[in-house]
Amino acid sequence: MNNILLINRLDPQDYSPTKNKVFFMIGGMNIPAVENRLIDVINDSKIIESDDMVLKYNGIELNISVQQIPIIAKLLCDENFSIYGIYELYNPEE
């Protein structure tokens, strides 16, 4: 089985309010305490609405603008989450 992941190229110069589904791969998501703390940290930040986040088995998908990516990454790093990847998954239907 090939481990191929298709992703969209992110443009750091994109200042539009357009929201994209951005995935953050987080270490330790198999531990319920990590998952619960992740939800709490994001909800407490008031940066993202709860309907703009989807928990996955290995991270979290957030419906955010490109310019919010570094803000979320800093928030998660400040809270000692291990981030192993940040990307927008390719969706051929869009």
PDB file of N, CA and C in Angstrom:
ATOM      1  N   MET A   1       0.835  -1.186   0.000  1.00  0.00           N
ATOM      2  CA  MET A   1       0.000   0.000   0.000  1.00  0.00           C
ATOM      3  C   MET A   1       0.879   1.249   0.000  1.00  0.00           C
ATOM      4  N   ASN A   2       0.589   2.169  -0.878  1.00  0.00           N
ATOM      5  CA  ASN A   2       1.332   3.422  -0.943  1.00  0.00           C
ATOM      6  C   ASN A   2       0.799   4.403   0.091  1.00  0.00           C
ATOM      7  N   ASN A   3       1.688   5.113   0.730  1.00  0.00           N
ATOM      8  CA  ASN A   3       1.303   6.153   1.688  1.00  0.00           C
ATOM      9  C   ASN A   3       1.366   7.507   0.991  1.00  0.00           C
ATOM     10  N   ILE A   4       0.402   7.758   0.136  1.00  0.00           N
ATOM     11  CA  ILE A   4       0.366   8.995  -0.632  1.00  0.00           C
ATOM     12  C   ILE A   4      -0.700   9.909  -0.060  1.00  0.00           C
ATOM     13  N   LEU A   5      -0.337  11.172   0.125  1.00  0.00           N
ATOM     14  CA  LEU A   5      -1.255  12.174   0.642  1.00  0.00           C
ATOM     15  C   LEU A   5      -1.223  13.364  -0.305  1.00  0.00           C
ATOM     16  N   LEU A   6      -2.367  13.692  -0.882  1.00  0.00           N
ATOM     17  CA  LEU A   6      -2.441  14.842  -1.771  1.00  0.00           C
ATOM     18  C   LEU A   6      -2.858  16.053  -0.958  1.00  0.00           C
ATOM     19  N   ILE A   7      -2.090  17.125  -1.097  1.00  0.00           N
ATOM     20  CA  ILE A   7      -2.395  18.352  -0.361  1.00  0.00           C
ATOM     21  C   ILE A   7      -2.403  19.543  -1.312  1.00  0.00           C
ATOM     22  N   ASN A   8      -3.110  20.580  -0.906  1.00  0.00           N
ATOM     23  CA  ASN A   8      -3.102  21.830  -1.652  1.00  0.00           C
ATOM     24  C   ASN A   8      -1.936  22.676  -1.182  1.00  0.00           C
ATOM     25  N   ARG A   9      -1.427  23.472  -2.087  1.00  0.00           N
ATOM     26  CA  ARG A   9      -0.355  24.405  -1.742  1.00  0.00           C
ATOM     27  C   ARG A   9      -0.977  25.589  -1.012  1.00  0.00           C
ATOM     28  N   LEU A  10      -0.425  25.941   0.138  1.00  0.00           N
ATOM     29  CA  LEU A  10      -0.903  27.105   0.883  1.00  0.00           C
ATOM     30  C   LEU A  10      -0.137  28.339   0.440  1.00  0.00           C
ATOM     31  N   ASP A  11      -0.829  29.460   0.305  1.00  0.00           N
ATOM     32  CA  ASP A  11      -0.214  30.710  -0.088  1.00  0.00           C
ATOM     33  C   ASP A  11      -0.144  31.642   1.120  1.00  0.00           C
ATOM     34  N   PRO A  12       1.038  31.847   1.705  1.00  0.00           N
ATOM     35  CA  PRO A  12       1.154  32.713   2.875  1.00  0.00           C
ATOM     36  C   PRO A  12       0.748  34.157   2.602  1.00  0.00           C
ATOM     37  N   GLN A  13       0.660  34.524   1.324  1.00  0.00           N
ATOM     38  CA  GLN A  13       0.255  35.881   0.958  1.00  0.00           C
ATOM     39  C   GLN A  13      -1.258  36.010   0.787  1.00  0.00           C
ATOM     40  N   ASP A  14      -1.990  34.954   1.102  1.00  0.00           N
ATOM     41  CA  ASP A  14      -3.456  34.966   0.989  1.00  0.00           C
ATOM     42  C   ASP A  14      -4.049  35.626   2.232  1.00  0.00           C
ATOM     43  N   TYR A  15      -4.498  36.859   2.066  1.00  0.00           N
ATOM     44  CA  TYR A  15      -5.086  37.615   3.183  1.00  0.00           C
ATOM     45  C   TYR A  15      -6.606  37.659   3.098  1.00  0.00           C
ATOM     46  N   SER A  16      -7.181  36.805   2.276  1.00  0.00           N
ATOM     47  CA  SER A  16      -8.634  36.785   2.124  1.00  0.00           C
ATOM     48  C   SER A  16      -9.272  36.124   3.346  1.00  0.00           C
ATOM     49  N   PRO A  17     -10.537  36.424   3.602  1.00  0.00           N
ATOM     50  CA  PRO A  17     -11.236  35.786   4.723  1.00  0.00           C
ATOM     51  C   PRO A  17     -11.743  34.380   4.394  1.00  0.00           C
ATOM     52  N   THR A  18     -11.427  33.890   3.200  1.00  0.00           N
ATOM     53  CA  THR A  18     -11.877  32.568   2.777  1.00  0.00           C
ATOM     54  C   THR A  18     -11.360  31.498   3.730  1.00  0.00           C
ATOM     55  N   LYS A  19     -12.270  30.655   4.188  1.00  0.00           N
ATOM     56  CA  LYS A  19     -11.893  29.584   5.102  1.00  0.00           C
ATOM     57  C   LYS A  19     -11.548  28.323   4.325  1.00  0.00           C
ATOM     58  N   ASN A  20     -10.495  27.655   4.770  1.00  0.00           N
ATOM     59  CA  ASN A  20     -10.043  26.400   4.185  1.00  0.00           C
ATOM     60  C   ASN A  20     -10.002  25.344   5.277  1.00  0.00           C
ATOM     61  N   LYS A  21     -10.156  24.089   4.889  1.00  0.00           N
ATOM     62  CA  LYS A  21     -10.049  22.988   5.849  1.00  0.00           C
ATOM     63  C   LYS A  21      -8.572  22.657   6.031  1.00  0.00           C
ATOM     64  N   VAL A  22      -8.002  23.119   7.132  1.00  0.00           N
ATOM     65  CA  VAL A  22      -6.586  22.938   7.414  1.00  0.00           C
ATOM     66  C   VAL A  22      -6.437  21.888   8.512  1.00  0.00           C
ATOM     67  N   PHE A  23      -5.579  20.911   8.256  1.00  0.00           N
ATOM     68  CA  PHE A  23      -5.378  19.811   9.198  1.00  0.00           C
ATOM     69  C   PHE A  23      -4.097  20.030   9.991  1.00  0.00           C
ATOM     70  N   PHE A  24      -4.191  19.843  11.293  1.00  0.00           N
ATOM     71  CA  PHE A  24      -3.038  19.889  12.191  1.00  0.00           C
ATOM     72  C   PHE A  24      -2.836  18.477  12.737  1.00  0.00           C
ATOM     73  N   MET A  25      -1.714  17.847  12.391  1.00  0.00           N
ATOM     74  CA  MET A  25      -1.408  16.522  12.911  1.00  0.00           C
ATOM     75  C   MET A  25      -0.770  16.708  14.296  1.00  0.00           C
ATOM     76  N   ILE A  26      -1.420  16.127  15.298  1.00  0.00           N
ATOM     77  CA  ILE A  26      -1.020  16.318  16.688  1.00  0.00           C
ATOM     78  C   ILE A  26      -0.605  14.975  17.291  1.00  0.00           C
ATOM     79  N   GLY A  27       0.524  14.960  17.958  1.00  0.00           N
ATOM     80  CA  GLY A  27       0.978  13.751  18.636  1.00  0.00           C
ATOM     81  C   GLY A  27       0.160  13.469  19.885  1.00  0.00           C
ATOM     82  N   GLY A  28      -0.062  12.200  20.164  1.00  0.00           N
ATOM     83  CA  GLY A  28      -0.749  11.790  21.377  1.00  0.00           C
ATOM     84  C   GLY A  28      -2.262  11.819  21.303  1.00  0.00           C
ATOM     85  N   MET A  29      -2.816  11.895  20.110  1.00  0.00           N
ATOM     86  CA  MET A  29      -4.283  11.948  19.979  1.00  0.00           C
ATOM     87  C   MET A  29      -4.945  10.644  20.401  1.00  0.00           C
ATOM     88  N   ASN A  30      -4.163   9.597  20.571  1.00  0.00           N
ATOM     89  CA  ASN A  30      -4.717   8.329  21.059  1.00  0.00           C
ATOM     90  C   ASN A  30      -4.908   8.347  22.579  1.00  0.00           C
ATOM     91  N   ILE A  31      -4.488   9.427  23.223  1.00  0.00           N
ATOM     92  CA  ILE A  31      -4.639   9.583  24.668  1.00  0.00           C
ATOM     93  C   ILE A  31      -5.815  10.521  24.925  1.00  0.00           C
ATOM     94  N   PRO A  32      -6.873  10.039  25.577  1.00  0.00           N
ATOM     95  CA  PRO A  32      -8.067  10.864  25.787  1.00  0.00           C
ATOM     96  C   PRO A  32      -7.785  12.215  26.455  1.00  0.00           C
ATOM     97  N   ALA A  33      -6.827  12.271  27.361  1.00  0.00           N
ATOM     98  CA  ALA A  33      -6.511  13.541  28.036  1.00  0.00           C
ATOM     99  C   ALA A  33      -5.977  14.583  27.055  1.00  0.00           C
ATOM    100  N   VAL A  34      -5.192  14.141  26.074  1.00  0.00           N
ATOM    101  CA  VAL A  34      -4.652  15.054  25.061  1.00  0.00           C
ATOM    102  C   VAL A  34      -5.785  15.576  24.185  1.00  0.00           C
ATOM    103  N   GLU A  35      -6.640  14.689  23.760  1.00  0.00           N
ATOM    104  CA  GLU A  35      -7.783  15.068  22.924  1.00  0.00           C
ATOM    105  C   GLU A  35      -8.688  16.060  23.651  1.00  0.00           C
ATOM    106  N   ASN A  36      -8.989  15.780  24.906  1.00  0.00           N
ATOM    107  CA  ASN A  36      -9.853  16.673  25.685  1.00  0.00           C
ATOM    108  C   ASN A  36      -9.205  18.028  25.918  1.00  0.00           C
ATOM    109  N   ARG A  37      -7.901  18.028  26.198  1.00  0.00           N
ATOM    110  CA  ARG A  37      -7.201  19.300  26.423  1.00  0.00           C
ATOM    111  C   ARG A  37      -7.145  20.115  25.134  1.00  0.00           C
ATOM    112  N   LEU A  38      -6.966  19.443  23.996  1.00  0.00           N
ATOM    113  CA  LEU A  38      -6.952  20.130  22.705  1.00  0.00           C
ATOM    114  C   LEU A  38      -8.278  20.846  22.463  1.00  0.00           C
ATOM    115  N   ILE A  39      -9.365  20.160  22.712  1.00  0.00           N
ATOM    116  CA  ILE A  39     -10.688  20.768  22.544  1.00  0.00           C
ATOM    117  C   ILE A  39     -10.844  21.965  23.474  1.00  0.00           C
ATOM    118  N   ASP A  40     -10.432  21.801  24.725  1.00  0.00           N
ATOM    119  CA  ASP A  40     -10.551  22.889  25.697  1.00  0.00           C
ATOM    120  C   ASP A  40      -9.714  24.107  25.306  1.00  0.00           C
ATOM    121  N   VAL A  41      -8.483  23.875  24.878  1.00  0.00           N
ATOM    122  CA  VAL A  41      -7.588  24.977  24.504  1.00  0.00           C
ATOM    123  C   VAL A  41      -8.165  25.749  23.326  1.00  0.00           C
ATOM    124  N   ILE A  42      -8.655  25.047  22.321  1.00  0.00           N
ATOM    125  CA  ILE A  42      -9.200  25.727  21.141  1.00  0.00           C
ATOM    126  C   ILE A  42     -10.493  26.453  21.498  1.00  0.00           C
ATOM    127  N   ASN A  43     -11.356  25.827  22.263  1.00  0.00           N
ATOM    128  CA  ASN A  43     -12.603  26.497  22.660  1.00  0.00           C
ATOM    129  C   ASN A  43     -12.334  27.718  23.536  1.00  0.00           C
ATOM    130  N   ASP A  44     -11.404  27.598  24.483  1.00  0.00           N
ATOM    131  CA  ASP A  44     -11.083  28.714  25.381  1.00  0.00           C
ATOM    132  C   ASP A  44     -10.433  29.882  24.655  1.00  0.00           C
ATOM    133  N   SER A  45      -9.788  29.610  23.525  1.00  0.00           N
ATOM    134  CA  SER A  45      -9.098  30.676  22.781  1.00  0.00           C
ATOM    135  C   SER A  45     -10.078  31.636  22.112  1.00  0.00           C
ATOM    136  N   LYS A  46     -11.290  31.167  21.848  1.00  0.00           N
ATOM    137  CA  LYS A  46     -12.323  31.964  21.180  1.00  0.00           C
ATOM    138  C   LYS A  46     -11.893  32.417  19.773  1.00  0.00           C
ATOM    139  N   ILE A  47     -10.881  31.760  19.214  1.00  0.00           N
ATOM    140  CA  ILE A  47     -10.417  32.079  17.856  1.00  0.00           C
ATOM    141  C   ILE A  47     -11.292  31.392  16.828  1.00  0.00           C
ATOM    142  N   ILE A  48     -11.764  30.192  17.173  1.00  0.00           N
ATOM    143  CA  ILE A  48     -12.505  29.356  16.235  1.00  0.00           C
ATOM    144  C   ILE A  48     -13.826  28.937  16.865  1.00  0.00           C
ATOM    145  N   GLU A  49     -14.861  28.941  16.052  1.00  0.00           N
ATOM    146  CA  GLU A  49     -16.165  28.445  16.509  1.00  0.00           C
ATOM    147  C   GLU A  49     -16.117  26.922  16.589  1.00  0.00           C
ATOM    148  N   SER A  50     -16.871  26.353  17.497  1.00  0.00           N
ATOM    149  CA  SER A  50     -16.828  24.896  17.674  1.00  0.00           C
ATOM    150  C   SER A  50     -17.303  24.131  16.439  1.00  0.00           C
ATOM    151  N   ASP A  51     -18.158  24.748  15.621  1.00  0.00           N
ATOM    152  CA  ASP A  51     -18.608  24.053  14.412  1.00  0.00           C
ATOM    153  C   ASP A  51     -17.575  24.125  13.281  1.00  0.00           C
ATOM    154  N   ASP A  52     -16.459  24.837  13.512  1.00  0.00           N
ATOM    155  CA  ASP A  52     -15.374  24.917  12.535  1.00  0.00           C
ATOM    156  C   ASP A  52     -14.236  23.956  12.861  1.00  0.00           C
ATOM    157  N   MET A  53     -14.474  22.992  13.752  1.00  0.00           N
ATOM    158  CA  MET A  53     -13.423  22.030  14.066  1.00  0.00           C
ATOM    159  C   MET A  53     -13.967  20.607  14.051  1.00  0.00           C
ATOM    160  N   VAL A  54     -13.119  19.711  13.538  1.00  0.00           N
ATOM    161  CA  VAL A  54     -13.463  18.294  13.462  1.00  0.00           C
ATOM    162  C   VAL A  54     -12.273  17.507  13.990  1.00  0.00           C
ATOM    163  N   LEU A  55     -12.497  16.738  15.031  1.00  0.00           N
ATOM    164  CA  LEU A  55     -11.431  15.892  15.574  1.00  0.00           C
ATOM    165  C   LEU A  55     -11.229  14.678  14.683  1.00  0.00           C
ATOM    166  N   LYS A  56      -9.990  14.331  14.469  1.00  0.00           N
ATOM    167  CA  LYS A  56      -9.624  13.143  13.708  1.00  0.00           C
ATOM    168  C   LYS A  56      -8.802  12.238  14.624  1.00  0.00           C
ATOM    169  N   TYR A  57      -8.529  11.023  14.172  1.00  0.00           N
ATOM    170  CA  TYR A  57      -7.795  10.081  15.016  1.00  0.00           C
ATOM    171  C   TYR A  57      -6.359  10.533  15.287  1.00  0.00           C
ATOM    172  N   ASN A  58      -5.788  11.375  14.409  1.00  0.00           N
ATOM    173  CA  ASN A  58      -4.398  11.791  14.580  1.00  0.00           C
ATOM    174  C   ASN A  58      -4.211  13.308  14.590  1.00  0.00           C
ATOM    175  N   GLY A  59      -5.299  14.042  14.793  1.00  0.00           N
ATOM    176  CA  GLY A  59      -5.183  15.491  14.817  1.00  0.00           C
ATOM    177  C   GLY A  59      -6.533  16.163  14.779  1.00  0.00           C
ATOM    178  N   ILE A  60      -6.536  17.370  14.250  1.00  0.00           N
ATOM    179  CA  ILE A  60      -7.758  18.158  14.196  1.00  0.00           C
ATOM    180  C   ILE A  60      -7.813  18.924  12.883  1.00  0.00           C
ATOM    181  N   GLU A  61      -8.998  18.961  12.296  1.00  0.00           N
ATOM    182  CA  GLU A  61      -9.225  19.721  11.068  1.00  0.00           C
ATOM    183  C   GLU A  61      -9.984  20.978  11.447  1.00  0.00           C
ATOM    184  N   LEU A  62      -9.442  22.127  11.049  1.00  0.00           N
ATOM    185  CA  LEU A  62     -10.051  23.412  11.379  1.00  0.00           C
ATOM    186  C   LEU A  62     -10.428  24.145  10.098  1.00  0.00           C
ATOM    187  N   ASN A  63     -11.585  24.740  10.103  1.00  0.00           N
ATOM    188  CA  ASN A  63     -12.042  25.548   8.982  1.00  0.00           C
ATOM    189  C   ASN A  63     -11.621  26.987   9.277  1.00  0.00           C
ATOM    190  N   ILE A  64     -10.445  27.380   8.763  1.00  0.00           N
ATOM    191  CA  ILE A  64      -9.849  28.674   9.094  1.00  0.00           C
ATOM    192  C   ILE A  64      -9.252  29.335   7.855  1.00  0.00           C
ATOM    193  N   SER A  65      -8.954  30.615   7.978  1.00  0.00           N
ATOM    194  CA  SER A  65      -8.266  31.326   6.899  1.00  0.00           C
ATOM    195  C   SER A  65      -6.769  31.024   6.986  1.00  0.00           C
ATOM    196  N   VAL A  66      -6.062  31.266   5.907  1.00  0.00           N
ATOM    197  CA  VAL A  66      -4.626  30.999   5.857  1.00  0.00           C
ATOM    198  C   VAL A  66      -3.898  31.800   6.933  1.00  0.00           C
ATOM    199  N   GLN A  67      -4.300  33.039   7.157  1.00  0.00           N
ATOM    200  CA  GLN A  67      -3.613  33.890   8.122  1.00  0.00           C
ATOM    201  C   GLN A  67      -3.833  33.450   9.573  1.00  0.00           C
ATOM    202  N   GLN A  68      -4.798  32.573   9.819  1.00  0.00           N
ATOM    203  CA  GLN A  68      -5.006  32.060  11.171  1.00  0.00           C
ATOM    204  C   GLN A  68      -4.101  30.866  11.483  1.00  0.00           C
ATOM    205  N   ILE A  69      -3.467  30.290  10.478  1.00  0.00           N
ATOM    206  CA  ILE A  69      -2.632  29.109  10.689  1.00  0.00           C
ATOM    207  C   ILE A  69      -1.508  29.380  11.692  1.00  0.00           C
ATOM    208  N   PRO A  70      -0.694  30.439  11.521  1.00  0.00           N
ATOM    209  CA  PRO A  70       0.377  30.655  12.496  1.00  0.00           C
ATOM    210  C   PRO A  70      -0.143  30.995  13.892  1.00  0.00           C
ATOM    211  N   ILE A  71      -1.305  31.607  13.979  1.00  0.00           N
ATOM    212  CA  ILE A  71      -1.898  31.931  15.283  1.00  0.00           C
ATOM    213  C   ILE A  71      -2.255  30.639  16.017  1.00  0.00           C
ATOM    214  N   ILE A  72      -2.888  29.709  15.306  1.00  0.00           N
ATOM    215  CA  ILE A  72      -3.264  28.427  15.900  1.00  0.00           C
ATOM    216  C   ILE A  72      -2.011  27.614  16.232  1.00  0.00           C
ATOM    217  N   ALA A  73      -1.028  27.620  15.337  1.00  0.00           N
ATOM    218  CA  ALA A  73       0.211  26.869  15.584  1.00  0.00           C
ATOM    219  C   ALA A  73       0.899  27.391  16.847  1.00  0.00           C
ATOM    220  N   LYS A  74       0.965  28.698  17.012  1.00  0.00           N
ATOM    221  CA  LYS A  74       1.580  29.279  18.212  1.00  0.00           C
ATOM    222  C   LYS A  74       0.795  28.902  19.457  1.00  0.00           C
ATOM    223  N   LEU A  75      -0.528  28.977  19.375  1.00  0.00           N
ATOM    224  CA  LEU A  75      -1.374  28.609  20.511  1.00  0.00           C
ATOM    225  C   LEU A  75      -1.096  27.168  20.940  1.00  0.00           C
ATOM    226  N   LEU A  76      -1.051  26.256  19.974  1.00  0.00           N
ATOM    227  CA  LEU A  76      -0.828  24.844  20.286  1.00  0.00           C
ATOM    228  C   LEU A  76       0.581  24.597  20.817  1.00  0.00           C
ATOM    229  N   CYS A  77       1.567  25.278  20.256  1.00  0.00           N
ATOM    230  CA  CYS A  77       2.944  25.134  20.757  1.00  0.00           C
ATOM    231  C   CYS A  77       3.072  25.684  22.172  1.00  0.00           C
ATOM    232  N   ASP A  78       2.450  26.832  22.422  1.00  0.00           N
ATOM    233  CA  ASP A  78       2.486  27.425  23.763  1.00  0.00           C
ATOM    234  C   ASP A  78       1.859  26.510  24.802  1.00  0.00           C
ATOM    235  N   GLU A  79       0.914  25.666  24.357  1.00  0.00           N
ATOM    236  CA  GLU A  79       0.246  24.723  25.256  1.00  0.00           C
ATOM    237  C   GLU A  79       0.917  23.345  25.240  1.00  0.00           C
ATOM    238  N   ASN A  80       2.115  23.283  24.650  1.00  0.00           N
ATOM    239  CA  ASN A  80       2.949  22.069  24.627  1.00  0.00           C
ATOM    240  C   ASN A  80       2.346  20.895  23.863  1.00  0.00           C
ATOM    241  N   PHE A  81       1.572  21.186  22.818  1.00  0.00           N
ATOM    242  CA  PHE A  81       1.125  20.122  21.922  1.00  0.00           C
ATOM    243  C   PHE A  81       2.233  19.870  20.906  1.00  0.00           C
ATOM    244  N   SER A  82       2.400  18.623  20.510  1.00  0.00           N
ATOM    245  CA  SER A  82       3.389  18.269  19.499  1.00  0.00           C
ATOM    246  C   SER A  82       2.716  18.293  18.132  1.00  0.00           C
ATOM    247  N   ILE A  83       3.152  19.217  17.269  1.00  0.00           N
ATOM    248  CA  ILE A  83       2.591  19.350  15.925  1.00  0.00           C
ATOM    249  C   ILE A  83       3.544  18.684  14.942  1.00  0.00           C
ATOM    250  N   TYR A  84       3.026  17.721  14.177  1.00  0.00           N
ATOM    251  CA  TYR A  84       3.844  16.984  13.227  1.00  0.00           C
ATOM    252  C   TYR A  84       3.557  17.355  11.779  1.00  0.00           C
ATOM    253  N   GLY A  85       2.531  18.159  11.548  1.00  0.00           N
ATOM    254  CA  GLY A  85       2.236  18.586  10.192  1.00  0.00           C
ATOM    255  C   GLY A  85       1.050  19.528  10.162  1.00  0.00           C
ATOM    256  N   ILE A  86       1.087  20.453   9.209  1.00  0.00           N
ATOM    257  CA  ILE A  86      -0.026  21.386   8.985  1.00  0.00           C
ATOM    258  C   ILE A  86      -0.213  21.465   7.478  1.00  0.00           C
ATOM    259  N   TYR A  87      -1.394  21.113   7.014  1.00  0.00           N
ATOM    260  CA  TYR A  87      -1.634  21.151   5.575  1.00  0.00           C
ATOM    261  C   TYR A  87      -3.127  21.181   5.278  1.00  0.00           C
ATOM    262  N   GLU A  88      -3.434  21.569   4.051  1.00  0.00           N
ATOM    263  CA  GLU A  88      -4.806  21.535   3.551  1.00  0.00           C
ATOM    264  C   GLU A  88      -4.914  20.339   2.615  1.00  0.00           C
ATOM    265  N   LEU A  89      -5.784  19.407   2.950  1.00  0.00           N
ATOM    266  CA  LEU A  89      -5.954  18.231   2.116  1.00  0.00           C
ATOM    267  C   LEU A  89      -6.550  18.598   0.767  1.00  0.00           C
ATOM    268  N   TYR A  90      -6.092  17.923  -0.257  1.00  0.00           N
ATOM    269  CA  TYR A  90      -6.616  18.129  -1.597  1.00  0.00           C
ATOM    270  C   TYR A  90      -7.986  17.505  -1.706  1.00  0.00           C
ATOM    271  N   ASN A  91      -8.921  18.268  -2.249  1.00  0.00           N
ATOM    272  CA  ASN A  91     -10.273  17.766  -2.487  1.00  0.00           C
ATOM    273  C   ASN A  91     -10.604  18.048  -3.958  1.00  0.00           C
ATOM    274  N   PRO A  92     -10.652  17.025  -4.809  1.00  0.00           N
ATOM    275  CA  PRO A  92     -10.872  17.251  -6.237  1.00  0.00           C
ATOM    276  C   PRO A  92     -12.251  17.815  -6.552  1.00  0.00           C
ATOM    277  N   GLU A  93     -13.167  17.743  -5.595  1.00  0.00           N
ATOM    278  CA  GLU A  93     -14.529  18.218  -5.837  1.00  0.00           C
ATOM    279  C   GLU A  93     -14.644  19.737  -5.652  1.00  0.00           C
ATOM    280  N   GLU A  94     -13.614  20.359  -5.144  1.00  0.00           N
ATOM    281  CA  GLU A  94     -13.668  21.826  -4.922  1.00  0.00           C
ATOM    282  C   GLU A  94     -12.938  22.571  -5.990  1.00  0.00           C
TER     283      GLU A  94
END
